[in-house]
Protein backbone atom coordinates (compact mmCIF):
# COMPACT_ATOMS: atom_id res chain seq x y z
CA MET A 1 81.84 118.07 97.68
CA PRO A 2 82.77 118.38 101.37
CA ILE A 3 81.71 115.62 103.76
CA PRO A 4 78.18 116.34 105.08
CA TRP A 5 78.12 117.44 108.73
CA VAL A 6 76.44 114.20 109.90
CA GLY A 7 79.14 112.14 108.23
CA MET A 8 81.82 114.50 109.51
CA THR A 9 80.54 114.16 113.09
CA SER A 10 80.56 110.38 112.84
CA LEU A 11 84.10 110.44 111.46
CA ILE A 12 85.30 112.80 114.20
CA GLU A 13 83.75 110.65 116.91
CA HIS A 14 85.52 107.64 115.45
CA ILE A 15 88.86 109.48 115.47
CA LEU A 16 88.34 110.50 119.11
CA SER A 17 87.89 106.84 120.01
CA LEU A 18 91.37 105.97 118.74
CA SER A 19 94.64 105.79 120.64
CA GLY A 20 98.27 104.89 120.11
CA TRP A 21 99.86 104.54 116.71
CA LEU A 22 96.54 104.51 114.83
CA ALA A 23 95.61 107.94 116.18
CA LEU A 24 99.06 109.26 115.27
CA LEU A 25 98.70 107.81 111.78
CA ILE A 26 95.50 109.82 111.26
CA VAL A 27 97.17 112.99 112.59
CA PHE A 28 100.03 112.45 110.14
CA ALA A 29 98.03 111.28 107.13
CA VAL A 30 95.31 113.95 106.91
CA PRO A 31 97.70 116.94 106.69
CA ALA A 32 99.97 114.91 104.41
CA LEU A 33 97.11 114.18 102.00
CA GLU A 34 95.53 117.64 102.25
CA SER A 35 97.47 119.31 99.43
CA SER A 36 99.18 116.28 97.88
CA VAL A 37 95.87 114.67 96.77
CA PHE A 38 93.60 117.67 97.51
CA LEU A 39 91.91 115.98 100.49
CA GLY A 40 91.63 119.41 102.06
CA PHE A 41 88.64 120.17 99.84
CA PHE A 42 86.73 117.50 101.79
CA PHE A 43 88.33 117.25 105.26
CA PRO A 44 90.48 120.16 106.48
CA GLY A 45 93.84 119.30 108.00
CA GLU A 46 93.40 121.55 111.04
CA THR A 47 90.52 119.34 112.21
CA ALA A 48 92.80 116.30 112.43
CA LEU A 49 95.47 118.28 114.28
CA ILE A 50 93.00 119.74 116.76
CA LEU A 51 91.60 116.26 117.40
CA GLY A 52 95.15 114.98 117.90
CA GLY A 53 95.64 117.66 120.54
CA VAL A 54 92.37 116.62 122.19
CA LEU A 55 93.53 112.99 122.27
CA ALA A 56 96.77 114.14 123.89
CA SER A 57 94.76 116.00 126.54
CA TYR A 58 92.93 112.70 127.20
CA HIS A 59 96.36 111.02 127.58
CA ARG A 60 95.63 108.64 124.71
CA VAL A 61 98.87 109.73 123.03
CA ALA A 62 101.81 111.92 124.06
CA LEU A 63 101.66 115.58 123.10
CA TRP A 64 105.14 115.52 121.56
CA GLN A 65 104.16 112.57 119.38
CA VAL A 66 101.13 114.43 118.04
CA LEU A 67 103.29 117.49 117.28
CA VAL A 68 105.87 115.41 115.41
CA ALA A 69 103.21 113.50 113.45
CA GLY A 70 101.18 116.59 112.54
CA ILE A 71 104.09 118.84 111.55
CA SER A 72 105.92 116.16 109.57
CA GLY A 73 102.70 115.25 107.74
CA ALA A 74 102.04 118.89 106.87
CA VAL A 75 105.56 119.52 105.57
CA LEU A 76 105.76 116.25 103.62
CA GLY A 77 102.30 116.70 102.11
CA ASP A 78 103.08 120.19 100.83
CA SER A 79 106.37 118.99 99.37
CA VAL A 80 104.50 116.28 97.48
CA GLY A 81 101.93 118.87 96.37
CA TYR A 82 104.77 121.05 95.09
CA LEU A 83 106.22 118.18 93.05
CA VAL A 84 102.79 117.23 91.68
CA GLY A 85 102.22 120.81 90.59
CA ARG A 86 105.66 120.99 89.01
CA GLU A 87 105.19 117.80 87.04
CA TYR A 88 101.49 117.88 86.13
CA GLY A 89 100.50 121.50 86.77
CA ARG A 90 97.41 123.04 85.24
CA ARG A 91 96.43 119.81 83.47
CA LEU A 92 95.69 118.23 86.84
CA LEU A 93 93.97 121.25 88.39
CA GLU A 94 91.75 121.60 85.33
CA SER A 95 90.76 117.93 85.32
CA ARG A 96 87.06 117.20 85.70
CA PRO A 97 87.13 116.07 89.39
CA LEU A 98 88.81 119.32 90.49
CA ARG A 99 87.22 121.84 88.13
CA ARG A 100 84.19 122.17 90.41
CA PHE A 101 86.49 123.37 93.21
CA VAL A 102 89.23 125.22 91.32
CA LYS A 103 88.23 127.82 88.75
CA PRO A 104 90.85 128.86 86.15
CA GLU A 105 90.77 132.47 87.33
CA ARG A 106 91.54 131.34 90.89
CA ILE A 107 94.58 129.48 89.60
CA ASP A 108 95.77 132.58 87.74
CA ARG A 109 95.30 134.77 90.80
CA GLY A 110 97.13 132.28 92.98
CA GLN A 111 100.06 132.20 90.58
CA ASP A 112 100.16 136.01 90.47
CA TYR A 113 100.17 136.07 94.26
CA LEU A 114 103.05 133.60 94.39
CA ASN A 115 105.02 135.58 91.82
CA GLN A 116 104.57 138.75 93.85
CA ARG A 117 105.10 137.35 97.36
CA GLY A 118 107.43 134.45 96.73
CA GLY A 119 108.12 132.28 99.76
CA LYS A 120 105.95 134.42 102.04
CA ALA A 121 102.91 133.23 100.09
CA VAL A 122 103.80 129.63 100.99
CA PHE A 123 103.95 130.55 104.68
CA LEU A 124 100.77 132.65 104.75
CA GLY A 125 98.83 130.21 102.58
CA ARG A 126 99.26 127.59 105.29
CA PHE A 127 96.77 129.37 107.52
CA THR A 128 93.73 129.28 105.23
CA ALA A 129 92.07 126.06 104.12
CA ALA A 130 91.48 127.14 100.51
CA LEU A 131 95.03 128.38 99.90
CA ARG A 132 96.62 125.57 101.90
CA VAL A 133 95.32 123.03 99.40
CA LEU A 134 96.37 125.01 96.31
CA VAL A 135 99.53 126.96 97.11
CA PRO A 136 102.05 124.07 97.11
CA GLY A 137 100.89 122.88 93.68
CA LEU A 138 100.81 126.42 92.34
CA ALA A 139 104.34 127.00 93.66
CA GLY A 140 105.48 123.98 91.66
CA MET A 141 103.61 125.21 88.58
CA ALA A 142 105.25 128.62 88.93
CA ARG A 143 108.65 126.88 89.03
CA MET A 144 109.50 128.39 92.40
CA PRO A 145 112.93 126.95 93.32
CA TYR A 146 112.54 124.16 95.87
CA ARG A 147 115.32 125.69 97.96
CA VAL A 148 113.04 128.71 98.35
CA PHE A 149 109.87 126.69 98.86
CA LEU A 150 111.20 124.28 101.49
CA PRO A 151 112.20 126.66 104.34
CA TRP A 152 108.92 128.58 104.06
CA ASN A 153 107.04 125.27 103.93
CA VAL A 154 108.81 124.03 107.07
CA ALA A 155 108.25 127.33 108.89
CA GLY A 156 104.57 127.41 107.97
CA GLY A 157 104.01 123.74 108.74
CA ALA A 158 105.73 123.98 112.12
CA THR A 159 103.91 127.16 113.15
CA TRP A 160 100.48 126.05 111.93
CA GLY A 161 100.85 122.48 113.17
CA THR A 162 101.98 123.53 116.63
CA ALA A 163 99.19 126.09 116.95
CA MET A 164 96.43 123.68 115.91
CA VAL A 165 97.64 120.82 118.11
CA LEU A 166 98.03 123.09 121.15
CA LEU A 167 94.57 124.55 120.54
CA GLY A 168 93.11 121.06 120.71
CA TYR A 169 95.24 120.15 123.72
CA LEU A 170 94.21 123.23 125.70
CA ALA A 171 90.58 123.00 124.64
CA GLY A 172 90.06 119.35 125.58
CA ALA A 173 86.33 118.64 125.58
CA SER A 174 85.63 122.11 124.13
CA TRP A 175 87.29 121.17 120.84
CA LYS A 176 84.19 121.93 118.72
CA ARG A 177 84.29 125.61 119.67
CA VAL A 178 88.03 125.80 118.99
CA ALA A 179 87.65 124.08 115.62
CA GLY A 180 85.00 126.65 114.70
CA TYR A 181 87.32 129.52 115.67
CA ALA A 182 90.17 127.98 113.66
CA THR A 183 87.95 127.74 110.58
CA GLN A 184 86.72 131.31 110.99
CA VAL A 185 90.28 132.62 111.27
CA GLY A 186 91.22 130.68 108.13
CA ILE A 187 88.30 132.15 106.21
CA ALA A 188 89.20 135.65 107.41
CA LEU A 189 92.79 135.25 106.26
CA PHE A 190 91.61 133.91 102.91
CA VAL A 191 89.38 136.97 102.45
CA VAL A 192 92.32 139.25 103.27
CA VAL A 193 94.53 137.53 100.70
CA VAL A 194 91.85 137.70 97.98
CA ALA A 195 91.23 141.37 98.79
CA ALA A 196 94.95 142.07 98.45
CA LEU A 197 95.01 140.34 95.07
CA VAL A 198 92.06 142.34 93.78
CA THR A 199 93.49 145.61 95.12
CA GLY A 200 96.86 144.88 93.50
CA HIS A 201 95.15 144.12 90.20
CA LEU A 202 93.17 147.37 90.31
CA ILE A 203 96.28 149.39 91.12
CA ARG A 204 98.20 147.84 88.23
CA SER A 205 95.27 148.44 85.88
CA ALA A 206 94.85 152.10 86.90
């Protein structure tokens, strides 16, 4: 289950006390682990990137370093998630630790969405927490060619990573409000995607 808010607050405060290479390691590692080991179910990657931007606004680290760390972590993590999905697929997603988060019907819908949208699904999935964790693995399961997956992964990672870091940088001490907005936007996009899937299914069934 997700980290309780009290524990999350303590963790965030600890991250905001960091500087230098250790702070950059966190900014890189959280997005990298989000979809590769499904860390995003517990600690969303955008939180780490926003906090990295906040640290840059405090001059603890350079803004360009945060951007490089965050974007490279996002792109690498999704590539690993793609390979994990390709090699282990549904067997991993249906394992006991993940079954409480990932229902079989959600996997099927995600695969249908990928089959219909192709690379665009990889790009759009980046902007919602729920899809961001699942889409890379589902793309591997669907045997999407890596040459198709990679450019959309890079484009999504660069766009999302830059946006989240700059939000944190511009927000500074107001990062909590920005993080809330980022989460709300992600939820809204996720609802739109699910609605599109259901609408498409109803149209095909009519």
